[in-house]
N, C-alpha and C. Protein backbone atom coordinates (compact mmCIF):
# COMPACT_ATOMS: atom_id res chain seq x y z
N UNK A 1 -81.00 20.10 -74.92
CA UNK A 1 -79.75 19.48 -75.26
C UNK A 1 -79.01 19.18 -73.97
N UNK A 2 -78.47 17.95 -73.89
CA UNK A 2 -77.77 17.56 -72.67
C UNK A 2 -76.29 17.93 -72.77
N UNK A 3 -75.72 18.20 -71.61
CA UNK A 3 -74.31 18.54 -71.54
C UNK A 3 -73.54 17.26 -71.20
N UNK A 4 -72.50 16.99 -71.94
CA UNK A 4 -71.68 15.81 -71.70
C UNK A 4 -70.42 16.26 -70.95
N UNK A 5 -70.20 15.65 -69.80
CA UNK A 5 -69.00 15.95 -69.04
C UNK A 5 -67.88 15.02 -69.49
N UNK A 6 -66.79 15.58 -69.93
CA UNK A 6 -65.65 14.79 -70.34
C UNK A 6 -64.68 14.69 -69.17
N UNK A 7 -64.33 13.47 -68.79
CA UNK A 7 -63.38 13.28 -67.70
C UNK A 7 -61.98 13.52 -68.20
N UNK A 8 -61.26 14.39 -67.55
CA UNK A 8 -59.87 14.64 -67.92
C UNK A 8 -58.92 14.29 -66.77
N UNK A 9 -59.46 13.69 -65.72
CA UNK A 9 -58.62 13.33 -64.59
C UNK A 9 -57.94 11.97 -64.78
N UNK A 10 -58.31 11.25 -65.83
CA UNK A 10 -57.73 9.94 -66.08
C UNK A 10 -56.46 10.08 -66.92
N UNK A 11 -55.39 9.51 -66.43
CA UNK A 11 -54.12 9.55 -67.15
C UNK A 11 -54.15 8.53 -68.28
N UNK A 12 -53.58 8.88 -69.40
CA UNK A 12 -53.53 7.99 -70.55
C UNK A 12 -52.12 7.42 -70.67
N UNK A 13 -52.02 6.11 -70.66
CA UNK A 13 -50.75 5.43 -70.88
C UNK A 13 -50.74 5.00 -72.35
N UNK A 14 -49.96 5.72 -73.14
CA UNK A 14 -49.95 5.48 -74.59
C UNK A 14 -48.77 4.59 -74.96
N UNK A 15 -49.09 3.34 -75.31
CA UNK A 15 -48.08 2.37 -75.72
C UNK A 15 -48.03 2.32 -77.24
N UNK A 16 -46.83 2.32 -77.78
CA UNK A 16 -46.68 2.17 -79.23
C UNK A 16 -45.40 1.43 -79.51
N UNK A 17 -45.45 0.60 -80.55
CA UNK A 17 -44.27 -0.19 -80.87
C UNK A 17 -43.37 0.52 -81.85
N UNK A 18 -42.08 0.31 -81.68
CA UNK A 18 -41.05 0.80 -82.61
C UNK A 18 -40.05 -0.33 -82.81
N UNK A 19 -39.65 -0.54 -84.04
CA UNK A 19 -38.69 -1.58 -84.35
C UNK A 19 -37.46 -0.93 -84.94
N UNK A 20 -36.33 -1.12 -84.31
CA UNK A 20 -35.10 -0.49 -84.77
C UNK A 20 -34.67 -0.99 -86.15
N UNK A 21 -35.27 -2.08 -86.62
CA UNK A 21 -34.94 -2.59 -87.96
C UNK A 21 -35.69 -1.83 -89.06
N UNK A 22 -36.68 -1.04 -88.66
CA UNK A 22 -37.41 -0.25 -89.66
C UNK A 22 -36.49 0.81 -90.25
N UNK A 23 -36.84 1.24 -91.44
CA UNK A 23 -36.10 2.32 -92.08
C UNK A 23 -36.32 3.61 -91.29
N UNK A 24 -35.34 4.51 -91.26
CA UNK A 24 -35.47 5.76 -90.49
C UNK A 24 -36.71 6.57 -90.87
N UNK A 25 -37.09 6.59 -92.13
CA UNK A 25 -38.30 7.34 -92.54
C UNK A 25 -39.55 6.76 -91.91
N UNK A 26 -39.63 5.44 -91.80
CA UNK A 26 -40.79 4.79 -91.18
C UNK A 26 -40.83 5.10 -89.69
N UNK A 27 -39.68 5.06 -89.03
CA UNK A 27 -39.63 5.39 -87.60
C UNK A 27 -40.05 6.84 -87.38
N UNK A 28 -39.57 7.74 -88.22
CA UNK A 28 -39.95 9.16 -88.10
C UNK A 28 -41.45 9.34 -88.29
N UNK A 29 -42.02 8.63 -89.25
CA UNK A 29 -43.47 8.73 -89.50
C UNK A 29 -44.25 8.22 -88.29
N UNK A 30 -43.82 7.10 -87.73
CA UNK A 30 -44.49 6.54 -86.55
C UNK A 30 -44.41 7.52 -85.38
N UNK A 31 -43.24 8.11 -85.17
CA UNK A 31 -43.08 9.06 -84.06
C UNK A 31 -43.91 10.32 -84.27
N UNK A 32 -44.05 10.77 -85.52
CA UNK A 32 -44.90 11.94 -85.80
C UNK A 32 -46.36 11.63 -85.49
N UNK A 33 -46.83 10.43 -85.88
CA UNK A 33 -48.21 10.05 -85.60
C UNK A 33 -48.47 9.97 -84.10
N UNK A 34 -47.53 9.41 -83.36
CA UNK A 34 -47.68 9.31 -81.91
C UNK A 34 -47.69 10.70 -81.28
N UNK A 35 -46.80 11.58 -81.74
CA UNK A 35 -46.75 12.95 -81.20
C UNK A 35 -48.06 13.69 -81.49
N UNK A 36 -48.63 13.47 -82.66
CA UNK A 36 -49.89 14.13 -83.01
C UNK A 36 -51.03 13.63 -82.11
N UNK A 37 -51.10 12.31 -81.90
CA UNK A 37 -52.12 11.75 -81.02
C UNK A 37 -51.95 12.24 -79.59
N UNK A 38 -50.71 12.27 -79.13
CA UNK A 38 -50.42 12.77 -77.78
C UNK A 38 -50.84 14.23 -77.63
N UNK A 39 -50.56 15.03 -78.64
CA UNK A 39 -50.92 16.45 -78.62
C UNK A 39 -52.44 16.63 -78.53
N UNK A 40 -53.17 15.84 -79.29
CA UNK A 40 -54.63 15.93 -79.26
C UNK A 40 -55.17 15.57 -77.89
N UNK A 41 -54.64 14.51 -77.29
CA UNK A 41 -55.09 14.11 -75.96
C UNK A 41 -54.78 15.18 -74.92
N UNK A 42 -53.62 15.80 -75.03
CA UNK A 42 -53.26 16.87 -74.09
C UNK A 42 -54.15 18.10 -74.28
N UNK A 43 -54.51 18.39 -75.54
CA UNK A 43 -55.37 19.55 -75.81
C UNK A 43 -56.72 19.44 -75.12
N UNK A 44 -57.25 18.21 -75.02
CA UNK A 44 -58.54 18.04 -74.36
C UNK A 44 -58.39 17.82 -72.85
N UNK A 45 -57.13 17.92 -72.35
CA UNK A 45 -56.93 17.94 -70.91
C UNK A 45 -56.43 16.66 -70.27
N UNK A 46 -56.11 15.64 -71.07
CA UNK A 46 -55.63 14.40 -70.48
C UNK A 46 -54.12 14.44 -70.25
N UNK A 47 -53.68 14.05 -69.07
CA UNK A 47 -52.25 13.84 -68.87
C UNK A 47 -51.85 12.57 -69.64
N UNK A 48 -50.74 12.62 -70.36
CA UNK A 48 -50.34 11.49 -71.21
C UNK A 48 -48.94 11.03 -70.84
N UNK A 49 -48.79 9.74 -70.69
CA UNK A 49 -47.48 9.12 -70.49
C UNK A 49 -47.18 8.30 -71.74
N UNK A 50 -46.16 8.70 -72.47
CA UNK A 50 -45.81 8.09 -73.74
C UNK A 50 -44.77 7.00 -73.50
N UNK A 51 -45.11 5.74 -73.86
CA UNK A 51 -44.20 4.61 -73.60
C UNK A 51 -43.93 3.86 -74.91
N UNK A 52 -42.77 4.11 -75.53
CA UNK A 52 -42.43 3.33 -76.72
C UNK A 52 -42.01 1.91 -76.31
N UNK A 53 -42.40 0.94 -77.11
CA UNK A 53 -42.08 -0.46 -76.85
C UNK A 53 -41.16 -0.95 -77.96
N UNK A 54 -39.94 -1.31 -77.59
CA UNK A 54 -38.95 -1.75 -78.56
C UNK A 54 -38.79 -3.26 -78.62
N UNK A 55 -39.33 -3.96 -77.63
CA UNK A 55 -39.16 -5.41 -77.57
C UNK A 55 -40.42 -6.04 -76.98
N UNK A 56 -40.39 -7.35 -76.80
CA UNK A 56 -41.57 -8.07 -76.31
C UNK A 56 -41.66 -8.10 -74.78
N UNK A 57 -40.74 -7.47 -74.08
CA UNK A 57 -40.73 -7.50 -72.63
C UNK A 57 -41.63 -6.41 -72.05
N UNK A 58 -42.94 -6.60 -72.20
CA UNK A 58 -43.89 -5.61 -71.70
C UNK A 58 -43.88 -5.52 -70.18
N UNK A 59 -43.60 -6.61 -69.52
CA UNK A 59 -43.57 -6.59 -68.06
C UNK A 59 -42.56 -5.55 -67.55
N UNK A 60 -41.40 -5.51 -68.16
CA UNK A 60 -40.38 -4.54 -67.73
C UNK A 60 -40.82 -3.12 -68.04
N UNK A 61 -41.46 -2.91 -69.18
CA UNK A 61 -41.92 -1.57 -69.56
C UNK A 61 -43.06 -1.07 -68.67
N UNK A 62 -43.94 -1.98 -68.27
CA UNK A 62 -45.15 -1.57 -67.54
C UNK A 62 -45.04 -1.75 -66.03
N UNK A 63 -43.93 -2.22 -65.54
CA UNK A 63 -43.77 -2.54 -64.13
C UNK A 63 -44.06 -1.34 -63.23
N UNK A 64 -43.65 -0.15 -63.63
CA UNK A 64 -43.81 1.03 -62.78
C UNK A 64 -45.19 1.68 -62.85
N UNK A 65 -46.07 1.16 -63.68
CA UNK A 65 -47.39 1.79 -63.87
C UNK A 65 -48.47 0.96 -63.19
N UNK A 66 -49.26 1.63 -62.35
CA UNK A 66 -50.39 0.99 -61.68
C UNK A 66 -51.59 1.05 -62.62
N UNK A 67 -52.14 -0.11 -63.02
CA UNK A 67 -53.25 -0.10 -63.99
C UNK A 67 -54.50 0.60 -63.48
N UNK A 68 -54.59 0.82 -62.19
CA UNK A 68 -55.76 1.53 -61.67
C UNK A 68 -55.67 3.03 -61.91
N UNK A 69 -54.51 3.53 -62.32
CA UNK A 69 -54.32 4.97 -62.49
C UNK A 69 -54.25 5.41 -63.94
N UNK A 70 -54.40 4.48 -64.87
CA UNK A 70 -54.24 4.82 -66.28
C UNK A 70 -55.31 4.20 -67.15
N UNK A 71 -55.61 4.89 -68.23
CA UNK A 71 -56.34 4.31 -69.35
C UNK A 71 -55.27 3.94 -70.36
N UNK A 72 -55.33 2.75 -70.90
CA UNK A 72 -54.29 2.30 -71.83
C UNK A 72 -54.74 2.54 -73.27
N UNK A 73 -53.85 3.16 -74.02
CA UNK A 73 -54.08 3.39 -75.43
C UNK A 73 -52.96 2.69 -76.19
N UNK A 74 -53.34 1.80 -77.11
CA UNK A 74 -52.35 1.06 -77.88
C UNK A 74 -52.32 1.58 -79.31
N UNK A 75 -51.13 1.82 -79.79
CA UNK A 75 -50.94 2.19 -81.20
C UNK A 75 -49.97 1.17 -81.75
N UNK A 76 -50.47 0.24 -82.57
CA UNK A 76 -49.65 -0.83 -83.10
C UNK A 76 -49.38 -0.57 -84.57
N UNK A 77 -48.12 -0.54 -84.90
CA UNK A 77 -47.71 -0.40 -86.29
C UNK A 77 -47.39 -1.79 -86.81
N UNK A 78 -48.06 -2.19 -87.84
CA UNK A 78 -47.83 -3.52 -88.41
C UNK A 78 -46.93 -3.40 -89.64
N UNK A 79 -46.05 -4.36 -89.80
CA UNK A 79 -45.16 -4.34 -90.95
C UNK A 79 -45.94 -4.45 -92.25
N UNK A 80 -47.10 -5.06 -92.21
CA UNK A 80 -47.88 -5.20 -93.44
C UNK A 80 -48.26 -3.83 -94.00
N UNK A 81 -48.51 -2.85 -93.10
CA UNK A 81 -48.82 -1.51 -93.57
C UNK A 81 -47.61 -0.88 -94.25
N UNK A 82 -46.45 -1.17 -93.70
CA UNK A 82 -45.23 -0.58 -94.23
C UNK A 82 -44.89 -1.18 -95.59
N UNK A 83 -45.06 -2.51 -95.70
CA UNK A 83 -44.67 -3.20 -96.93
C UNK A 83 -45.84 -3.47 -97.88
N UNK A 84 -47.05 -3.08 -97.50
CA UNK A 84 -48.21 -3.25 -98.37
C UNK A 84 -48.65 -4.70 -98.52
N UNK A 85 -48.49 -5.52 -97.49
CA UNK A 85 -48.89 -6.93 -97.55
C UNK A 85 -50.24 -7.12 -96.91
N UNK A 86 -50.84 -8.28 -97.19
CA UNK A 86 -52.09 -8.66 -96.54
C UNK A 86 -51.83 -9.00 -95.08
N UNK A 87 -52.85 -8.87 -94.26
CA UNK A 87 -52.73 -9.20 -92.84
C UNK A 87 -52.57 -10.70 -92.68
N UNK A 88 -51.68 -11.09 -91.78
CA UNK A 88 -51.43 -12.50 -91.50
C UNK A 88 -51.90 -12.87 -90.11
N UNK A 89 -51.53 -14.06 -89.70
CA UNK A 89 -51.95 -14.58 -88.40
C UNK A 89 -51.43 -13.70 -87.27
N UNK A 90 -50.17 -13.26 -87.35
CA UNK A 90 -49.62 -12.43 -86.28
C UNK A 90 -50.38 -11.11 -86.14
N UNK A 91 -50.75 -10.52 -87.27
CA UNK A 91 -51.49 -9.25 -87.23
C UNK A 91 -52.84 -9.46 -86.55
N UNK A 92 -53.56 -10.51 -86.95
CA UNK A 92 -54.86 -10.77 -86.33
C UNK A 92 -54.72 -11.13 -84.86
N UNK A 93 -53.65 -11.81 -84.51
CA UNK A 93 -53.41 -12.14 -83.11
C UNK A 93 -53.17 -10.88 -82.29
N UNK A 94 -52.36 -9.96 -82.81
CA UNK A 94 -52.11 -8.70 -82.11
C UNK A 94 -53.38 -7.87 -81.96
N UNK A 95 -54.17 -7.81 -83.00
CA UNK A 95 -55.42 -7.05 -82.94
C UNK A 95 -56.37 -7.67 -81.93
N UNK A 96 -56.47 -9.00 -81.92
CA UNK A 96 -57.34 -9.69 -80.96
C UNK A 96 -56.87 -9.47 -79.53
N UNK A 97 -55.57 -9.57 -79.34
CA UNK A 97 -55.00 -9.36 -78.00
C UNK A 97 -55.25 -7.93 -77.54
N UNK A 98 -55.00 -6.96 -78.41
CA UNK A 98 -55.24 -5.56 -78.06
C UNK A 98 -56.70 -5.29 -77.73
N UNK A 99 -57.60 -5.85 -78.54
CA UNK A 99 -59.04 -5.66 -78.30
C UNK A 99 -59.46 -6.28 -76.97
N UNK A 100 -58.95 -7.46 -76.70
CA UNK A 100 -59.28 -8.13 -75.43
C UNK A 100 -58.77 -7.33 -74.25
N UNK A 101 -57.54 -6.84 -74.37
CA UNK A 101 -56.95 -6.04 -73.30
C UNK A 101 -57.78 -4.78 -73.03
N UNK A 102 -58.18 -4.12 -74.08
CA UNK A 102 -58.99 -2.90 -73.92
C UNK A 102 -60.33 -3.22 -73.26
N UNK A 103 -60.95 -4.33 -73.63
CA UNK A 103 -62.24 -4.70 -73.02
C UNK A 103 -62.07 -5.02 -71.53
N UNK A 104 -61.04 -5.74 -71.16
CA UNK A 104 -60.81 -6.08 -69.75
C UNK A 104 -60.56 -4.82 -68.94
N UNK A 105 -59.74 -3.93 -69.46
CA UNK A 105 -59.45 -2.68 -68.75
C UNK A 105 -60.69 -1.82 -68.65
N UNK A 106 -61.47 -1.74 -69.72
CA UNK A 106 -62.71 -0.96 -69.69
C UNK A 106 -63.67 -1.50 -68.66
N UNK A 107 -63.82 -2.82 -68.62
CA UNK A 107 -64.72 -3.42 -67.64
C UNK A 107 -64.24 -3.13 -66.21
N UNK A 108 -62.95 -3.22 -66.00
CA UNK A 108 -62.38 -2.92 -64.68
C UNK A 108 -62.72 -1.49 -64.25
N UNK A 109 -62.50 -0.53 -65.16
CA UNK A 109 -62.79 0.87 -64.83
C UNK A 109 -64.29 1.09 -64.64
N UNK A 110 -65.11 0.41 -65.42
CA UNK A 110 -66.56 0.57 -65.29
C UNK A 110 -67.02 0.16 -63.90
N UNK A 111 -66.59 -1.02 -63.46
CA UNK A 111 -67.03 -1.49 -62.15
C UNK A 111 -66.35 -0.74 -61.02
N UNK A 112 -65.14 -0.27 -61.23
CA UNK A 112 -64.45 0.46 -60.16
C UNK A 112 -65.05 1.84 -59.96
N UNK A 113 -65.32 2.56 -61.05
CA UNK A 113 -65.78 3.94 -60.95
C UNK A 113 -67.27 4.11 -61.25
N UNK A 114 -67.92 3.04 -61.66
CA UNK A 114 -69.34 3.09 -62.02
C UNK A 114 -69.61 4.23 -62.98
N UNK A 115 -68.84 4.24 -64.07
CA UNK A 115 -68.96 5.30 -65.08
C UNK A 115 -70.27 5.16 -65.80
C-alpha cells in the first residue's frame, strides 16, 4: 500500500458570495456552511483565509493576495437554490467562469511546483 503525502503548506483563499438583500436566515445558513468548510480545511492542516464577497469588485477584494501563495476555493451561492428555480444563463456563466478559473490556477501550480 502506498503512502499519500498531503501538502498542508499551501494556503487556501476561500472566496464566497454574500448578498445583503438575502433574508437573514439564508445569510446565516451560508455563513454556517462556510465556517464548516473552513473548519474541515484547518483540521487537515491548511491555513485558510476567508474572504466574503459582497459585490462584483473582485479586484479590490483580491488586490492584497498574491496568486502564487494561495489555492483558490470558490463557494458560490446561487439564488436559484434559495428560491427553488431552474438554473439560468447567469448560473451557468458563473459555473463556467469558476471552472475555468480553477483550471488555470491548477495548471499554474502544476507547472510551477511540478506536483
